Amino acid sequence: MAASSPTHSTRPPEGSTRLHRKVLIVLATGQITGGLGVGATLALGALLVSEVSGSSALSGLAATMNTLGAAILAIPLARLA
C-alpha cells in the first residue's frame, strides 16, 4: 500500500487569525466595560442611598443588597450547571 497524504490541513484557514483577534478584542472590551459598569453601579448606588435616606450609615446598604442578591441567585444557577 502506498502512503497517502492527509486529507485535512493542520493550518488554519486564511483570514481566521484576523477573525480570532477581532473576536478576542470584542470579548475583552465587553469584559472591561461590564466590570466598569458593575463598579460604577456599586459606587453610585451608595451615593443614591445616602442622598435618599439622608443617612450616610445606610450608604453601604446598596453594596450589601447587591452581594446578597448575587449570593441568593448563585444557588439555583449552580444547580442548573
N, C-alpha and C. Protein backbone atom coordinates (compact mmCIF):
# COMPACT_ATOMS: atom_id res chain seq x y z
N MET A 1 0.83 -1.18 0.00
CA MET A 1 0.00 0.00 0.00
C MET A 1 0.87 1.24 0.00
N ALA A 2 0.47 2.20 -0.74
CA ALA A 2 1.20 3.45 -0.81
C ALA A 2 0.71 4.38 0.29
N ALA A 3 1.63 5.15 0.85
CA ALA A 3 1.26 6.11 1.89
C ALA A 3 0.51 7.27 1.24
N SER A 4 -0.61 7.58 1.81
CA SER A 4 -1.40 8.69 1.25
C SER A 4 -1.23 9.91 2.13
N SER A 5 -1.38 11.07 1.52
CA SER A 5 -1.25 12.31 2.28
C SER A 5 -2.55 12.57 3.05
N PRO A 6 -2.45 13.26 4.16
CA PRO A 6 -3.66 13.53 4.94
C PRO A 6 -4.63 14.40 4.14
N THR A 7 -5.90 14.18 4.37
CA THR A 7 -6.91 14.93 3.62
C THR A 7 -7.25 16.27 4.26
N HIS A 8 -6.79 16.49 5.47
CA HIS A 8 -7.07 17.76 6.12
C HIS A 8 -5.76 18.48 6.43
N SER A 9 -5.84 19.78 6.48
CA SER A 9 -4.66 20.59 6.75
C SER A 9 -4.65 20.98 8.23
N THR A 10 -3.49 21.06 8.81
CA THR A 10 -3.38 21.49 10.20
C THR A 10 -3.25 23.00 10.31
N ARG A 11 -3.11 23.67 9.19
CA ARG A 11 -3.02 25.12 9.19
C ARG A 11 -4.41 25.72 9.23
N PRO A 12 -4.59 26.82 9.97
CA PRO A 12 -5.91 27.46 9.99
C PRO A 12 -6.22 28.08 8.63
N PRO A 13 -7.49 28.20 8.29
CA PRO A 13 -7.86 28.81 7.02
C PRO A 13 -7.39 30.26 6.94
N GLU A 14 -7.23 30.73 5.72
CA GLU A 14 -6.80 32.12 5.51
C GLU A 14 -7.78 33.08 6.17
N GLY A 15 -7.26 34.06 6.88
CA GLY A 15 -8.09 35.09 7.47
C GLY A 15 -8.66 34.72 8.84
N SER A 16 -8.52 33.48 9.28
CA SER A 16 -9.09 33.11 10.57
C SER A 16 -8.32 33.72 11.73
N THR A 17 -7.03 33.96 11.54
CA THR A 17 -6.24 34.58 12.60
C THR A 17 -6.73 36.00 12.86
N ARG A 18 -7.03 36.72 11.80
CA ARG A 18 -7.57 38.08 11.96
C ARG A 18 -8.93 38.04 12.63
N LEU A 19 -9.75 37.07 12.26
CA LEU A 19 -11.08 36.93 12.86
C LEU A 19 -10.96 36.61 14.35
N HIS A 20 -10.05 35.71 14.71
CA HIS A 20 -9.85 35.36 16.11
C HIS A 20 -9.39 36.57 16.90
N ARG A 21 -8.51 37.36 16.33
CA ARG A 21 -8.02 38.56 17.01
C ARG A 21 -9.16 39.56 17.23
N LYS A 22 -10.00 39.75 16.22
CA LYS A 22 -11.13 40.68 16.35
C LYS A 22 -12.12 40.20 17.40
N VAL A 23 -12.41 38.91 17.40
CA VAL A 23 -13.33 38.36 18.39
C VAL A 23 -12.76 38.53 19.79
N LEU A 24 -11.47 38.28 19.96
CA LEU A 24 -10.83 38.43 21.26
C LEU A 24 -10.88 39.88 21.74
N ILE A 25 -10.67 40.82 20.84
CA ILE A 25 -10.73 42.24 21.20
C ILE A 25 -12.15 42.61 21.63
N VAL A 26 -13.15 42.14 20.89
CA VAL A 26 -14.55 42.45 21.25
C VAL A 26 -14.90 41.86 22.62
N LEU A 27 -14.49 40.62 22.86
CA LEU A 27 -14.79 39.98 24.15
C LEU A 27 -14.08 40.69 25.30
N ALA A 28 -12.82 41.06 25.11
CA ALA A 28 -12.07 41.75 26.16
C ALA A 28 -12.68 43.12 26.44
N THR A 29 -13.08 43.82 25.39
CA THR A 29 -13.71 45.13 25.57
C THR A 29 -15.03 44.99 26.32
N GLY A 30 -15.79 43.97 26.01
CA GLY A 30 -17.05 43.74 26.72
C GLY A 30 -16.83 43.44 28.20
N GLN A 31 -15.80 42.66 28.51
CA GLN A 31 -15.49 42.35 29.90
C GLN A 31 -15.08 43.61 30.66
N ILE A 32 -14.26 44.44 30.03
CA ILE A 32 -13.81 45.68 30.68
C ILE A 32 -14.99 46.61 30.91
N THR A 33 -15.84 46.76 29.90
CA THR A 33 -17.00 47.64 30.03
C THR A 33 -17.96 47.12 31.10
N GLY A 34 -18.18 45.82 31.14
CA GLY A 34 -19.05 45.25 32.16
C GLY A 34 -18.50 45.45 33.56
N GLY A 35 -17.19 45.28 33.72
CA GLY A 35 -16.56 45.49 35.02
C GLY A 35 -16.67 46.92 35.49
N LEU A 36 -16.47 47.85 34.56
CA LEU A 36 -16.63 49.26 34.91
C LEU A 36 -18.07 49.57 35.29
N GLY A 37 -19.01 48.96 34.59
CA GLY A 37 -20.43 49.18 34.90
C GLY A 37 -20.80 48.68 36.28
N VAL A 38 -20.30 47.52 36.66
CA VAL A 38 -20.60 46.98 37.99
C VAL A 38 -19.99 47.87 39.07
N GLY A 39 -18.76 48.29 38.86
CA GLY A 39 -18.12 49.17 39.84
C GLY A 39 -18.83 50.50 39.98
N ALA A 40 -19.23 51.07 38.85
CA ALA A 40 -19.95 52.35 38.89
C ALA A 40 -21.31 52.19 39.55
N THR A 41 -21.98 51.07 39.31
CA THR A 41 -23.29 50.84 39.92
C THR A 41 -23.18 50.77 41.44
N LEU A 42 -22.17 50.08 41.94
CA LEU A 42 -22.00 49.99 43.39
C LEU A 42 -21.70 51.36 44.00
N ALA A 43 -20.83 52.12 43.35
CA ALA A 43 -20.48 53.43 43.88
C ALA A 43 -21.66 54.39 43.82
N LEU A 44 -22.33 54.43 42.69
CA LEU A 44 -23.47 55.35 42.56
C LEU A 44 -24.66 54.90 43.40
N GLY A 45 -24.80 53.60 43.59
CA GLY A 45 -25.86 53.10 44.46
C GLY A 45 -25.66 53.57 45.88
N ALA A 46 -24.43 53.55 46.36
CA ALA A 46 -24.14 54.04 47.71
C ALA A 46 -24.45 55.52 47.84
N LEU A 47 -24.09 56.29 46.81
CA LEU A 47 -24.39 57.73 46.84
C LEU A 47 -25.89 57.98 46.80
N LEU A 48 -26.60 57.20 46.01
CA LEU A 48 -28.05 57.37 45.89
C LEU A 48 -28.76 57.04 47.20
N VAL A 49 -28.38 55.96 47.83
CA VAL A 49 -28.99 55.58 49.12
C VAL A 49 -28.69 56.64 50.17
N SER A 50 -27.48 57.16 50.15
CA SER A 50 -27.11 58.20 51.10
C SER A 50 -27.96 59.46 50.90
N GLU A 51 -28.18 59.84 49.65
CA GLU A 51 -28.98 61.03 49.35
C GLU A 51 -30.46 60.82 49.68
N VAL A 52 -31.00 59.68 49.32
CA VAL A 52 -32.43 59.44 49.51
C VAL A 52 -32.76 59.26 50.98
N SER A 53 -31.93 58.50 51.70
CA SER A 53 -32.23 58.23 53.11
C SER A 53 -31.79 59.35 54.03
N GLY A 54 -30.83 60.15 53.59
CA GLY A 54 -30.32 61.22 54.44
C GLY A 54 -29.34 60.72 55.49
N SER A 55 -29.01 59.44 55.44
CA SER A 55 -28.11 58.86 56.42
C SER A 55 -26.93 58.21 55.71
N SER A 56 -25.73 58.63 56.10
CA SER A 56 -24.55 58.02 55.49
C SER A 56 -24.30 56.61 56.05
N ALA A 57 -24.94 56.29 57.17
CA ALA A 57 -24.79 54.95 57.76
C ALA A 57 -25.44 53.90 56.87
N LEU A 58 -26.45 54.26 56.10
CA LEU A 58 -27.15 53.32 55.23
C LEU A 58 -26.55 53.22 53.83
N SER A 59 -25.48 53.98 53.57
CA SER A 59 -24.94 54.01 52.21
C SER A 59 -24.35 52.67 51.78
N GLY A 60 -23.92 51.85 52.73
CA GLY A 60 -23.39 50.54 52.40
C GLY A 60 -24.47 49.52 52.08
N LEU A 61 -25.73 49.92 52.28
CA LEU A 61 -26.84 49.02 52.04
C LEU A 61 -26.93 48.59 50.58
N ALA A 62 -26.59 49.46 49.64
CA ALA A 62 -26.67 49.13 48.22
C ALA A 62 -25.69 47.99 47.87
N ALA A 63 -24.47 48.10 48.35
CA ALA A 63 -23.48 47.06 48.08
C ALA A 63 -23.85 45.76 48.79
N THR A 64 -24.40 45.88 49.98
CA THR A 64 -24.81 44.69 50.73
C THR A 64 -25.93 43.96 50.00
N MET A 65 -26.92 44.67 49.54
CA MET A 65 -28.04 44.05 48.83
C MET A 65 -27.60 43.46 47.49
N ASN A 66 -26.67 44.12 46.84
CA ASN A 66 -26.13 43.58 45.58
C ASN A 66 -25.42 42.25 45.83
N THR A 67 -24.59 42.20 46.85
CA THR A 67 -23.87 40.97 47.18
C THR A 67 -24.83 39.88 47.64
N LEU A 68 -25.81 40.25 48.46
CA LEU A 68 -26.78 39.28 48.96
C LEU A 68 -27.63 38.71 47.81
N GLY A 69 -28.05 39.58 46.89
CA GLY A 69 -28.81 39.12 45.74
C GLY A 69 -28.02 38.17 44.85
N ALA A 70 -26.75 38.48 44.65
CA ALA A 70 -25.90 37.60 43.85
C ALA A 70 -25.71 36.26 44.53
N ALA A 71 -25.56 36.27 45.85
CA ALA A 71 -25.38 35.01 46.58
C ALA A 71 -26.64 34.17 46.54
N ILE A 72 -27.80 34.79 46.67
CA ILE A 72 -29.07 34.05 46.64
C ILE A 72 -29.31 33.45 45.26
N LEU A 73 -29.00 34.19 44.21
CA LEU A 73 -29.20 33.68 42.86
C LEU A 73 -28.14 32.65 42.45
N ALA A 74 -27.00 32.64 43.13
CA ALA A 74 -25.94 31.69 42.77
C ALA A 74 -26.36 30.26 43.06
N ILE A 75 -27.17 30.06 44.07
CA ILE A 75 -27.57 28.69 44.43
C ILE A 75 -28.40 28.03 43.35
N PRO A 76 -29.52 28.63 42.89
CA PRO A 76 -30.26 27.95 41.80
C PRO A 76 -29.50 27.91 40.49
N LEU A 77 -28.68 28.91 40.21
CA LEU A 77 -27.90 28.88 38.97
C LEU A 77 -26.84 27.78 39.01
N ALA A 78 -26.29 27.51 40.18
CA ALA A 78 -25.31 26.42 40.30
C ALA A 78 -25.97 25.07 40.09
N ARG A 79 -27.22 24.94 40.47
CA ARG A 79 -27.92 23.68 40.26
C ARG A 79 -28.22 23.45 38.79
N LEU A 80 -28.36 24.51 38.02
CA LEU A 80 -28.59 24.37 36.59
C LEU A 80 -27.35 23.90 35.85
N ALA A 81 -26.20 24.22 36.39
CA ALA A 81 -24.94 23.89 35.71
C ALA A 81 -24.61 22.42 35.77
